Amino acid sequence: MSSVEKIITSLSELEKDIESLSVRVQDMKKRIISTSDKEIAQLREKIIEVAKTESEKIISTAKQEAEEKSQKILEEAETNLTKLRENTKLSFDKSVKLVVDSVLNKGYTTES
């Protein structure tokens, strides 16, 4: 076999090796992309779960705070309502007394 034939054979084998490597590289690239996509999907799901958990905690805390505030407001309203009823009762009694006194005094003034 001549030197030229040996070089051509060697180049041919090298070309086959390069093609084989190219195919393997393409396969590896596809596997890496596939693995990356799976990892991204898993991380996305984990992030969503963490976000849901955190938002549930925030909502729960806000709800508890709102319930506590509403309870305080309700207690204050009850206290104010009780005071208002007492004041109304006192005012009513005073008003009745004033009307009665006024009627009685008018009666005395008209009779006099």
PDB file of N, CA and C in Angstrom:
ATOM      1  N   MET A   1       0.846  -1.162   0.000  1.00  0.00           N
ATOM      2  CA  MET A   1       0.000   0.000   0.000  1.00  0.00           C
ATOM      3  C   MET A   1       0.900   1.236   0.000  1.00  0.00           C
ATOM      4  N   SER A   2       0.544   2.152  -0.820  1.00  0.00           N
ATOM      5  CA  SER A   2       1.386   3.330  -0.963  1.00  0.00           C
ATOM      6  C   SER A   2       1.117   4.323   0.157  1.00  0.00           C
ATOM      7  N   SER A   3       1.979   5.269   0.263  1.00  0.00           N
ATOM      8  CA  SER A   3       1.852   6.291   1.308  1.00  0.00           C
ATOM      9  C   SER A   3       0.580   7.092   1.133  1.00  0.00           C
ATOM     10  N   VAL A   4       0.248   7.382  -0.083  1.00  0.00           N
ATOM     11  CA  VAL A   4      -0.959   8.167  -0.353  1.00  0.00           C
ATOM     12  C   VAL A   4      -2.177   7.372   0.084  1.00  0.00           C
ATOM     13  N   GLU A   5      -2.186   6.079  -0.217  1.00  0.00           N
ATOM     14  CA  GLU A   5      -3.322   5.246   0.181  1.00  0.00           C
ATOM     15  C   GLU A   5      -3.421   5.169   1.704  1.00  0.00           C
ATOM     16  N   LYS A   6      -2.270   5.063   2.347  1.00  0.00           N
ATOM     17  CA  LYS A   6      -2.258   5.022   3.807  1.00  0.00           C
ATOM     18  C   LYS A   6      -2.824   6.328   4.375  1.00  0.00           C
ATOM     19  N   ILE A   7      -2.451   7.451   3.791  1.00  0.00           N
ATOM     20  CA  ILE A   7      -2.934   8.760   4.265  1.00  0.00           C
ATOM     21  C   ILE A   7      -4.436   8.866   4.024  1.00  0.00           C
ATOM     22  N   ILE A   8      -4.879   8.412   2.866  1.00  0.00           N
ATOM     23  CA  ILE A   8      -6.311   8.467   2.551  1.00  0.00           C
ATOM     24  C   ILE A   8      -7.079   7.563   3.513  1.00  0.00           C
ATOM     25  N   THR A   9      -6.550   6.385   3.769  1.00  0.00           N
ATOM     26  CA  THR A   9      -7.202   5.466   4.700  1.00  0.00           C
ATOM     27  C   THR A   9      -7.244   6.083   6.097  1.00  0.00           C
ATOM     28  N   SER A  10      -6.170   6.653   6.497  1.00  0.00           N
ATOM     29  CA  SER A  10      -6.095   7.293   7.824  1.00  0.00           C
ATOM     30  C   SER A  10      -7.075   8.451   7.912  1.00  0.00           C
ATOM     31  N   LEU A  11      -7.123   9.247   6.857  1.00  0.00           N
ATOM     32  CA  LEU A  11      -8.055  10.369   6.847  1.00  0.00           C
ATOM     33  C   LEU A  11      -9.505   9.889   6.854  1.00  0.00           C
ATOM     34  N   SER A  12      -9.749   8.824   6.144  1.00  0.00           N
ATOM     35  CA  SER A  12     -11.090   8.243   6.104  1.00  0.00           C
ATOM     36  C   SER A  12     -11.492   7.747   7.507  1.00  0.00           C
ATOM     37  N   GLU A  13     -10.586   7.058   8.160  1.00  0.00           N
ATOM     38  CA  GLU A  13     -10.848   6.578   9.528  1.00  0.00           C
ATOM     39  C   GLU A  13     -11.032   7.757  10.488  1.00  0.00           C
ATOM     40  N   LEU A  14     -10.221   8.787  10.312  1.00  0.00           N
ATOM     41  CA  LEU A  14     -10.331   9.977  11.147  1.00  0.00           C
ATOM     42  C   LEU A  14     -11.680  10.648  10.935  1.00  0.00           C
ATOM     43  N   GLU A  15     -12.107  10.703   9.672  1.00  0.00           N
ATOM     44  CA  GLU A  15     -13.407  11.295   9.362  1.00  0.00           C
ATOM     45  C   GLU A  15     -14.534  10.494  10.018  1.00  0.00           C
ATOM     46  N   LYS A  16     -14.436   9.166   9.969  1.00  0.00           N
ATOM     47  CA  LYS A  16     -15.439   8.304  10.614  1.00  0.00           C
ATOM     48  C   LYS A  16     -15.442   8.542  12.123  1.00  0.00           C
ATOM     49  N   ASP A  17     -14.247   8.643  12.709  1.00  0.00           N
ATOM     50  CA  ASP A  17     -14.147   8.897  14.143  1.00  0.00           C
ATOM     51  C   ASP A  17     -14.776  10.252  14.509  1.00  0.00           C
ATOM     52  N   ILE A  18     -14.511  11.249  13.673  1.00  0.00           N
ATOM     53  CA  ILE A  18     -15.070  12.586  13.921  1.00  0.00           C
ATOM     54  C   ILE A  18     -16.590  12.548  13.823  1.00  0.00           C
ATOM     55  N   GLU A  19     -17.118  11.854  12.823  1.00  0.00           N
ATOM     56  CA  GLU A  19     -18.572  11.730  12.686  1.00  0.00           C
ATOM     57  C   GLU A  19     -19.165  11.006  13.887  1.00  0.00           C
ATOM     58  N   SER A  20     -18.488   9.944  14.310  1.00  0.00           N
ATOM     59  CA  SER A  20     -18.944   9.188  15.475  1.00  0.00           C
ATOM     60  C   SER A  20     -18.943  10.076  16.717  1.00  0.00           C
ATOM     61  N   LEU A  21     -17.871  10.840  16.884  1.00  0.00           N
ATOM     62  CA  LEU A  21     -17.790  11.763  18.016  1.00  0.00           C
ATOM     63  C   LEU A  21     -18.876  12.827  17.933  1.00  0.00           C
ATOM     64  N   SER A  22     -19.122  13.315  16.742  1.00  0.00           N
ATOM     65  CA  SER A  22     -20.154  14.335  16.551  1.00  0.00           C
ATOM     66  C   SER A  22     -21.528  13.806  16.961  1.00  0.00           C
ATOM     67  N   VAL A  23     -21.806  12.551  16.541  1.00  0.00           N
ATOM     68  CA  VAL A  23     -23.079  11.929  16.909  1.00  0.00           C
ATOM     69  C   VAL A  23     -23.168  11.765  18.425  1.00  0.00           C
ATOM     70  N   ARG A  24     -22.077  11.297  19.034  1.00  0.00           N
ATOM     71  CA  ARG A  24     -22.064  11.123  20.498  1.00  0.00           C
ATOM     72  C   ARG A  24     -22.232  12.467  21.220  1.00  0.00           C
ATOM     73  N   VAL A  25     -21.594  13.497  20.684  1.00  0.00           N
ATOM     74  CA  VAL A  25     -21.728  14.827  21.280  1.00  0.00           C
ATOM     75  C   VAL A  25     -23.175  15.300  21.175  1.00  0.00           C
ATOM     76  N   GLN A  26     -23.803  15.083  20.039  1.00  0.00           N
ATOM     77  CA  GLN A  26     -25.197  15.478  19.860  1.00  0.00           C
ATOM     78  C   GLN A  26     -26.102  14.716  20.842  1.00  0.00           C
ATOM     79  N   ASP A  27     -25.847  13.427  21.009  1.00  0.00           N
ATOM     80  CA  ASP A  27     -26.619  12.629  21.966  1.00  0.00           C
ATOM     81  C   ASP A  27     -26.413  13.148  23.387  1.00  0.00           C
ATOM     82  N   MET A  28     -25.171  13.435  23.733  1.00  0.00           N
ATOM     83  CA  MET A  28     -24.874  13.961  25.068  1.00  0.00           C
ATOM     84  C   MET A  28     -25.563  15.311  25.274  1.00  0.00           C
ATOM     85  N   LYS A  29     -25.547  16.121  24.238  1.00  0.00           N
ATOM     86  CA  LYS A  29     -26.191  17.428  24.308  1.00  0.00           C
ATOM     87  C   LYS A  29     -27.684  17.260  24.571  1.00  0.00           C
ATOM     88  N   LYS A  30     -28.318  16.323  23.855  1.00  0.00           N
ATOM     89  CA  LYS A  30     -29.747  16.061  24.051  1.00  0.00           C
ATOM     90  C   LYS A  30     -30.027  15.577  25.468  1.00  0.00           C
ATOM     91  N   ARG A  31     -29.175  14.675  25.982  1.00  0.00           N
ATOM     92  CA  ARG A  31     -29.353  14.176  27.347  1.00  0.00           C
ATOM     93  C   ARG A  31     -29.190  15.291  28.379  1.00  0.00           C
ATOM     94  N   ILE A  32     -28.206  16.133  28.157  1.00  0.00           N
ATOM     95  CA  ILE A  32     -27.965  17.247  29.087  1.00  0.00           C
ATOM     96  C   ILE A  32     -29.154  18.203  29.079  1.00  0.00           C
ATOM     97  N   ILE A  33     -29.672  18.511  27.897  1.00  0.00           N
ATOM     98  CA  ILE A  33     -30.832  19.404  27.787  1.00  0.00           C
ATOM     99  C   ILE A  33     -32.047  18.772  28.458  1.00  0.00           C
ATOM    100  N   SER A  34     -32.233  17.473  28.217  1.00  0.00           N
ATOM    101  CA  SER A  34     -33.359  16.763  28.836  1.00  0.00           C
ATOM    102  C   SER A  34     -33.239  16.769  30.357  1.00  0.00           C
ATOM    103  N   THR A  35     -32.045  16.474  30.839  1.00  0.00           N
ATOM    104  CA  THR A  35     -31.816  16.477  32.281  1.00  0.00           C
ATOM    105  C   THR A  35     -32.022  17.880  32.856  1.00  0.00           C
ATOM    106  N   SER A  36     -31.536  18.882  32.154  1.00  0.00           N
ATOM    107  CA  SER A  36     -31.706  20.265  32.597  1.00  0.00           C
ATOM    108  C   SER A  36     -33.182  20.638  32.664  1.00  0.00           C
ATOM    109  N   ASP A  37     -33.939  20.240  31.641  1.00  0.00           N
ATOM    110  CA  ASP A  37     -35.369  20.532  31.633  1.00  0.00           C
ATOM    111  C   ASP A  37     -36.078  19.870  32.811  1.00  0.00           C
ATOM    112  N   LYS A  38     -35.708  18.614  33.096  1.00  0.00           N
ATOM    113  CA  LYS A  38     -36.304  17.917  34.238  1.00  0.00           C
ATOM    114  C   LYS A  38     -35.953  18.613  35.547  1.00  0.00           C
ATOM    115  N   GLU A  39     -34.698  19.004  35.691  1.00  0.00           N
ATOM    116  CA  GLU A  39     -34.270  19.706  36.905  1.00  0.00           C
ATOM    117  C   GLU A  39     -34.996  21.034  37.058  1.00  0.00           C
ATOM    118  N   ILE A  40     -35.137  21.749  35.956  1.00  0.00           N
ATOM    119  CA  ILE A  40     -35.853  23.032  35.989  1.00  0.00           C
ATOM    120  C   ILE A  40     -37.299  22.821  36.418  1.00  0.00           C
ATOM    121  N   ALA A  41     -37.935  21.789  35.868  1.00  0.00           N
ATOM    122  CA  ALA A  41     -39.329  21.503  36.227  1.00  0.00           C
ATOM    123  C   ALA A  41     -39.438  21.155  37.706  1.00  0.00           C
ATOM    124  N   GLN A  42     -38.512  20.335  38.204  1.00  0.00           N
ATOM    125  CA  GLN A  42     -38.534  19.964  39.620  1.00  0.00           C
ATOM    126  C   GLN A  42     -38.308  21.179  40.511  1.00  0.00           C
ATOM    127  N   LEU A  43     -37.355  22.022  40.139  1.00  0.00           N
ATOM    128  CA  LEU A  43     -37.092  23.234  40.919  1.00  0.00           C
ATOM    129  C   LEU A  43     -38.284  24.176  40.884  1.00  0.00           C
ATOM    130  N   ARG A  44     -38.919  24.284  39.737  1.00  0.00           N
ATOM    131  CA  ARG A  44     -40.112  25.133  39.618  1.00  0.00           C
ATOM    132  C   ARG A  44     -41.191  24.641  40.570  1.00  0.00           C
ATOM    133  N   GLU A  45     -41.412  23.325  40.608  1.00  0.00           N
ATOM    134  CA  GLU A  45     -42.423  22.752  41.501  1.00  0.00           C
ATOM    135  C   GLU A  45     -42.070  23.011  42.967  1.00  0.00           C
ATOM    136  N   LYS A  46     -40.791  22.850  43.302  1.00  0.00           N
ATOM    137  CA  LYS A  46     -40.364  23.114  44.672  1.00  0.00           C
ATOM    138  C   LYS A  46     -40.577  24.575  45.042  1.00  0.00           C
ATOM    139  N   ILE A  47     -40.248  25.470  44.117  1.00  0.00           N
ATOM    140  CA  ILE A  47     -40.425  26.900  44.374  1.00  0.00           C
ATOM    141  C   ILE A  47     -41.903  27.228  44.553  1.00  0.00           C
ATOM    142  N   ILE A  48     -42.742  26.632  43.731  1.00  0.00           N
ATOM    143  CA  ILE A  48     -44.182  26.865  43.852  1.00  0.00           C
ATOM    144  C   ILE A  48     -44.682  26.364  45.202  1.00  0.00           C
ATOM    145  N   GLU A  49     -44.226  25.204  45.633  1.00  0.00           N
ATOM    146  CA  GLU A  49     -44.632  24.668  46.929  1.00  0.00           C
ATOM    147  C   GLU A  49     -44.179  25.582  48.080  1.00  0.00           C
ATOM    148  N   VAL A  50     -42.936  26.037  47.989  1.00  0.00           N
ATOM    149  CA  VAL A  50     -42.424  26.941  49.020  1.00  0.00           C
ATOM    150  C   VAL A  50     -43.237  28.235  49.034  1.00  0.00           C
ATOM    151  N   ALA A  51     -43.533  28.763  47.855  1.00  0.00           N
ATOM    152  CA  ALA A  51     -44.323  29.992  47.760  1.00  0.00           C
ATOM    153  C   ALA A  51     -45.727  29.787  48.328  1.00  0.00           C
ATOM    154  N   LYS A  52     -46.338  28.642  48.028  1.00  0.00           N
ATOM    155  CA  LYS A  52     -47.665  28.349  48.572  1.00  0.00           C
ATOM    156  C   LYS A  52     -47.617  28.272  50.093  1.00  0.00           C
ATOM    157  N   THR A  53     -46.624  27.576  50.612  1.00  0.00           N
ATOM    158  CA  THR A  53     -46.490  27.442  52.060  1.00  0.00           C
ATOM    159  C   THR A  53     -46.306  28.803  52.714  1.00  0.00           C
ATOM    160  N   GLU A  54     -45.440  29.619  52.131  1.00  0.00           N
ATOM    161  CA  GLU A  54     -45.188  30.950  52.688  1.00  0.00           C
ATOM    162  C   GLU A  54     -46.437  31.820  52.597  1.00  0.00           C
ATOM    163  N   SER A  55     -47.133  31.755  51.475  1.00  0.00           N
ATOM    164  CA  SER A  55     -48.340  32.577  51.337  1.00  0.00           C
ATOM    165  C   SER A  55     -49.419  32.115  52.312  1.00  0.00           C
ATOM    166  N   GLU A  56     -49.517  30.811  52.548  1.00  0.00           N
ATOM    167  CA  GLU A  56     -50.481  30.305  53.523  1.00  0.00           C
ATOM    168  C   GLU A  56     -50.136  30.794  54.926  1.00  0.00           C
ATOM    169  N   LYS A  57     -48.839  30.823  55.244  1.00  0.00           N
ATOM    170  CA  LYS A  57     -48.428  31.346  56.547  1.00  0.00           C
ATOM    171  C   LYS A  57     -48.776  32.821  56.680  1.00  0.00           C
ATOM    172  N   ILE A  58     -48.500  33.579  55.623  1.00  0.00           N
ATOM    173  CA  ILE A  58     -48.799  35.019  55.645  1.00  0.00           C
ATOM    174  C   ILE A  58     -50.297  35.249  55.781  1.00  0.00           C
ATOM    175  N   ILE A  59     -51.080  34.501  55.024  1.00  0.00           N
ATOM    176  CA  ILE A  59     -52.539  34.644  55.087  1.00  0.00           C
ATOM    177  C   ILE A  59     -53.051  34.250  56.467  1.00  0.00           C
ATOM    178  N   SER A  60     -52.518  33.179  57.008  1.00  0.00           N
ATOM    179  CA  SER A  60     -52.935  32.724  58.336  1.00  0.00           C
ATOM    180  C   SER A  60     -52.621  33.776  59.397  1.00  0.00           C
ATOM    181  N   THR A  61     -51.434  34.335  59.325  1.00  0.00           N
ATOM    182  CA  THR A  61     -51.045  35.372  60.282  1.00  0.00           C
ATOM    183  C   THR A  61     -51.932  36.601  60.136  1.00  0.00           C
ATOM    184  N   ALA A  62     -52.164  37.014  58.905  1.00  0.00           N
ATOM    185  CA  ALA A  62     -53.018  38.180  58.661  1.00  0.00           C
ATOM    186  C   ALA A  62     -54.437  37.927  59.158  1.00  0.00           C
ATOM    187  N   LYS A  63     -54.936  36.728  58.933  1.00  0.00           N
ATOM    188  CA  LYS A  63     -56.286  36.378  59.381  1.00  0.00           C
ATOM    189  C   LYS A  63     -56.365  36.414  60.900  1.00  0.00           C
ATOM    190  N   GLN A  64     -55.355  35.860  61.551  1.00  0.00           N
ATOM    191  CA  GLN A  64     -55.337  35.851  63.012  1.00  0.00           C
ATOM    192  C   GLN A  64     -55.290  37.280  63.549  1.00  0.00           C
ATOM    193  N   GLU A  65     -54.453  38.120  62.943  1.00  0.00           N
ATOM    194  CA  GLU A  65     -54.369  39.511  63.383  1.00  0.00           C
ATOM    195  C   GLU A  65     -55.701  40.228  63.164  1.00  0.00           C
ATOM    196  N   ALA A  66     -56.330  39.975  62.036  1.00  0.00           N
ATOM    197  CA  ALA A  66     -57.624  40.604  61.743  1.00  0.00           C
ATOM    198  C   ALA A  66     -58.685  40.142  62.739  1.00  0.00           C
ATOM    199  N   GLU A  67     -58.674  38.863  63.076  1.00  0.00           N
ATOM    200  CA  GLU A  67     -59.640  38.356  64.047  1.00  0.00           C
ATOM    201  C   GLU A  67     -59.415  38.974  65.421  1.00  0.00           C
ATOM    202  N   GLU A  68     -58.146  39.125  65.812  1.00  0.00           N
ATOM    203  CA  GLU A  68     -57.844  39.751  67.094  1.00  0.00           C
ATOM    204  C   GLU A  68     -58.308  41.204  67.107  1.00  0.00           C
ATOM    205  N   LYS A  69     -58.037  41.929  66.023  1.00  0.00           N
ATOM    206  CA  LYS A  69     -58.470  43.327  65.943  1.00  0.00           C
ATOM    207  C   LYS A  69     -59.994  43.430  65.957  1.00  0.00           C
ATOM    208  N   SER A  70     -60.644  42.550  65.221  1.00  0.00           N
ATOM    209  CA  SER A  70     -62.107  42.601  65.183  1.00  0.00           C
ATOM    210  C   SER A  70     -62.687  42.272  66.551  1.00  0.00           C
ATOM    211  N   GLN A  71     -62.034  41.370  67.282  1.00  0.00           N
ATOM    212  CA  GLN A  71     -62.496  41.042  68.631  1.00  0.00           C
ATOM    213  C   GLN A  71     -62.345  42.259  69.542  1.00  0.00           C
ATOM    214  N   LYS A  72     -61.221  42.978  69.427  1.00  0.00           N
ATOM    215  CA  LYS A  72     -61.026  44.190  70.235  1.00  0.00           C
ATOM    216  C   LYS A  72     -62.070  45.243  69.879  1.00  0.00           C
ATOM    217  N   ILE A  73     -62.321  45.398  68.587  1.00  0.00           N
ATOM    218  CA  ILE A  73     -63.322  46.369  68.145  1.00  0.00           C
ATOM    219  C   ILE A  73     -64.695  45.987  68.675  1.00  0.00           C
ATOM    220  N   LEU A  74     -65.008  44.707  68.638  1.00  0.00           N
ATOM    221  CA  LEU A  74     -66.292  44.228  69.145  1.00  0.00           C
ATOM    222  C   LEU A  74     -66.419  44.495  70.639  1.00  0.00           C
ATOM    223  N   GLU A  75     -65.339  44.242  71.383  1.00  0.00           N
ATOM    224  CA  GLU A  75     -65.355  44.503  72.820  1.00  0.00           C
ATOM    225  C   GLU A  75     -65.543  45.989  73.107  1.00  0.00           C
ATOM    226  N   GLU A  76     -64.841  46.840  72.349  1.00  0.00           N
ATOM    227  CA  GLU A  76     -64.987  48.285  72.519  1.00  0.00           C
ATOM    228  C   GLU A  76     -66.408  48.722  72.171  1.00  0.00           C
ATOM    229  N   ALA A  77     -66.964  48.141  71.113  1.00  0.00           N
ATOM    230  CA  ALA A  77     -68.332  48.477  70.718  1.00  0.00           C
ATOM    231  C   ALA A  77     -69.319  48.077  71.804  1.00  0.00           C
ATOM    232  N   GLU A  78     -69.123  46.904  72.393  1.00  0.00           N
ATOM    233  CA  GLU A  78     -70.001  46.453  73.481  1.00  0.00           C
ATOM    234  C   GLU A  78     -69.907  47.399  74.684  1.00  0.00           C
ATOM    235  N   THR A  79     -68.674  47.802  75.011  1.00  0.00           N
ATOM    236  CA  THR A  79     -68.473  48.733  76.115  1.00  0.00           C
ATOM    237  C   THR A  79     -69.166  50.067  75.820  1.00  0.00           C
ATOM    238  N   ASN A  80     -68.958  50.569  74.610  1.00  0.00           N
ATOM    239  CA  ASN A  80     -69.594  51.836  74.220  1.00  0.00           C
ATOM    240  C   ASN A  80     -71.113  51.722  74.203  1.00  0.00           C
ATOM    241  N   LEU A  81     -71.620  50.585  73.742  1.00  0.00           N
ATOM    242  CA  LEU A  81     -73.063  50.374  73.713  1.00  0.00           C
ATOM    243  C   LEU A  81     -73.629  50.347  75.127  1.00  0.00           C
ATOM    244  N   THR A  82     -72.943  49.704  76.023  1.00  0.00           N
ATOM    245  CA  THR A  82     -73.384  49.666  77.422  1.00  0.00           C
ATOM    246  C   THR A  82     -73.400  51.072  78.008  1.00  0.00           C
ATOM    247  N   LYS A  83     -72.348  51.836  77.765  1.00  0.00           N
ATOM    248  CA  LYS A  83     -72.298  53.216  78.257  1.00  0.00           C
ATOM    249  C   LYS A  83     -73.426  54.045  77.651  1.00  0.00           C
ATOM    250  N   LEU A  84     -73.654  53.863  76.353  1.00  0.00           N
ATOM    251  CA  LEU A  84     -74.717  54.597  75.679  1.00  0.00           C
ATOM    252  C   LEU A  84     -76.078  54.251  76.268  1.00  0.00           C
ATOM    253  N   ARG A  85     -76.307  52.985  76.535  1.00  0.00           N
ATOM    254  CA  ARG A  85     -77.582  52.572  77.146  1.00  0.00           C
ATOM    255  C   ARG A  85     -77.747  53.189  78.529  1.00  0.00           C
ATOM    256  N   GLU A  86     -76.654  53.178  79.302  1.00  0.00           N
ATOM    257  CA  GLU A  86     -76.717  53.786  80.636  1.00  0.00           C
ATOM    258  C   GLU A  86     -77.008  55.274  80.530  1.00  0.00           C
ATOM    259  N   ASN A  87     -76.309  55.944  79.606  1.00  0.00           N
ATOM    260  CA  ASN A  87     -76.533  57.379  79.420  1.00  0.00           C
ATOM    261  C   ASN A  87     -77.951  57.664  78.932  1.00  0.00           C
ATOM    262  N   THR A  88     -78.439  56.814  78.044  1.00  0.00           N
ATOM    263  CA  THR A  88     -79.801  56.981  77.535  1.00  0.00           C
ATOM    264  C   THR A  88     -80.805  56.805  78.666  1.00  0.00           C
ATOM    265  N   LYS A  89     -80.562  55.816  79.492  1.00  0.00           N
ATOM    266  CA  LYS A  89     -81.476  55.569  80.613  1.00  0.00           C
ATOM    267  C   LYS A  89     -81.463  56.748  81.565  1.00  0.00           C
ATOM    268  N   LEU A  90     -80.267  57.247  81.893  1.00  0.00           N
ATOM    269  CA  LEU A  90     -80.165  58.409  82.773  1.00  0.00           C
ATOM    270  C   LEU A  90     -80.830  59.627  82.136  1.00  0.00           C
ATOM    271  N   SER A  91     -80.579  59.845  80.869  1.00  0.00           N
ATOM    272  CA  SER A  91     -81.177  60.982  80.168  1.00  0.00           C
ATOM    273  C   SER A  91     -82.683  60.830  80.092  1.00  0.00           C
ATOM    274  N   PHE A  92     -83.139  59.614  79.849  1.00  0.00           N
ATOM    275  CA  PHE A  92     -84.576  59.379  79.770  1.00  0.00           C
ATOM    276  C   PHE A  92     -85.229  59.701  81.112  1.00  0.00           C
ATOM    277  N   ASP A  93     -84.625  59.199  82.190  1.00  0.00           N
ATOM    278  CA  ASP A  93     -85.169  59.473  83.517  1.00  0.00           C
ATOM    279  C   ASP A  93     -85.184  60.978  83.801  1.00  0.00           C
ATOM    280  N   LYS A  94     -84.117  61.665  83.447  1.00  0.00           N
ATOM    281  CA  LYS A  94     -84.050  63.116  83.640  1.00  0.00           C
ATOM    282  C   LYS A  94     -85.093  63.816  82.777  1.00  0.00           C
ATOM    283  N   SER A  95     -85.226  63.348  81.527  1.00  0.00           N
ATOM    284  CA  SER A  95     -86.202  63.951  80.620  1.00  0.00           C
ATOM    285  C   SER A  95     -87.615  63.786  81.153  1.00  0.00           C
ATOM    286  N   VAL A  96     -87.918  62.597  81.624  1.00  0.00           N
ATOM    287  CA  VAL A  96     -89.254  62.347  82.182  1.00  0.00           C
ATOM    288  C   VAL A  96     -89.485  63.262  83.385  1.00  0.00           C
ATOM    289  N   LYS A  97     -88.485  63.373  84.220  1.00  0.00           N
ATOM    290  CA  LYS A  97     -88.608  64.225  85.403  1.00  0.00           C
ATOM    291  C   LYS A  97     -88.825  65.676  84.994  1.00  0.00           C
ATOM    292  N   LEU A  98     -88.061  66.148  83.989  1.00  0.00           N
ATOM    293  CA  LEU A  98     -88.220  67.524  83.516  1.00  0.00           C
ATOM    294  C   LEU A  98     -89.611  67.756  82.941  1.00  0.00           C
ATOM    295  N   VAL A  99     -90.092  66.787  82.165  1.00  0.00           N
ATOM    296  CA  VAL A  99     -91.433  66.926  81.582  1.00  0.00           C
ATOM    297  C   VAL A  99     -92.477  66.944  82.672  1.00  0.00           C
ATOM    298  N   VAL A 100     -92.346  66.045  83.616  1.00  0.00           N
ATOM    299  CA  VAL A 100     -93.318  65.992  84.718  1.00  0.00           C
ATOM    300  C   VAL A 100     -93.261  67.299  85.514  1.00  0.00           C
ATOM    301  N   ASP A 101     -92.052  67.737  85.845  1.00  0.00           N
ATOM    302  CA  ASP A 101     -91.919  69.000  86.579  1.00  0.00           C
ATOM    303  C   ASP A 101     -92.484  70.152  85.768  1.00  0.00           C
ATOM    304  N   SER A 102     -92.205  70.149  84.477  1.00  0.00           N
ATOM    305  CA  SER A 102     -92.697  71.214  83.608  1.00  0.00           C
ATOM    306  C   SER A 102     -94.211  71.212  83.565  1.00  0.00           C
ATOM    307  N   VAL A 103     -94.791  70.034  83.445  1.00  0.00           N
ATOM    308  CA  VAL A 103     -96.253  69.928  83.404  1.00  0.00           C
ATOM    309  C   VAL A 103     -96.837  70.367  84.737  1.00  0.00           C
ATOM    310  N   LEU A 104     -96.225  69.908  85.789  1.00  0.00           N
ATOM    311  CA  LEU A 104     -96.735  70.275  87.109  1.00  0.00           C
ATOM    312  C   LEU A 104     -96.563  71.764  87.363  1.00  0.00           C
ATOM    313  N   ASN A 105     -95.443  72.329  86.974  1.00  0.00           N
ATOM    314  CA  ASN A 105     -95.223  73.762  87.150  1.00  0.00           C
ATOM    315  C   ASN A 105     -96.178  74.560  86.282  1.00  0.00           C
ATOM    316  N   LYS A 106     -96.456  74.126  85.056  1.00  0.00           N
ATOM    317  CA  LYS A 106     -97.416  74.801  84.205  1.00  0.00           C
ATOM    318  C   LYS A 106     -98.787  74.727  84.822  1.00  0.00           C
ATOM    319  N   GLY A 107     -99.052  73.560  85.375  1.00  0.00           N
ATOM    320  CA  GLY A 107    -100.350  73.409  86.054  1.00  0.00           C
ATOM    321  C   GLY A 107    -100.464  74.401  87.190  1.00  0.00           C
ATOM    322  N   TYR A 108     -99.409  74.594  87.927  1.00  0.00           N
ATOM    323  CA  TYR A 108     -99.437  75.558  89.044  1.00  0.00           C
ATOM    324  C   TYR A 108     -99.531  76.986  88.514  1.00  0.00           C
ATOM    325  N   THR A 109     -98.845  77.254  87.403  1.00  0.00           N
ATOM    326  CA  THR A 109     -98.862  78.620  86.891  1.00  0.00           C
ATOM    327  C   THR A 109    -100.213  78.949  86.288  1.00  0.00           C
ATOM    328  N   THR A 110    -100.895  77.985  85.654  1.00  0.00           N
ATOM    329  CA  THR A 110    -102.197  78.263  85.080  1.00  0.00           C
ATOM    330  C   THR A 110    -103.263  78.354  86.152  1.00  0.00           C
ATOM    331  N   GLU A 111    -103.073  77.632  87.232  1.00  0.00           N
ATOM    332  CA  GLU A 111    -104.052  77.663  88.325  1.00  0.00           C
ATOM    333  C   GLU A 111    -103.866  78.913  89.169  1.00  0.00           C
ATOM    334  N   SER A 112    -102.694  79.459  89.189  1.00  0.00           N
ATOM    335  CA  SER A 112    -102.417  80.595  90.058  1.00  0.00           C
ATOM    336  C   SER A 112    -103.011  81.864  89.588  1.00  0.00           C
TER     337      SER A 112
END
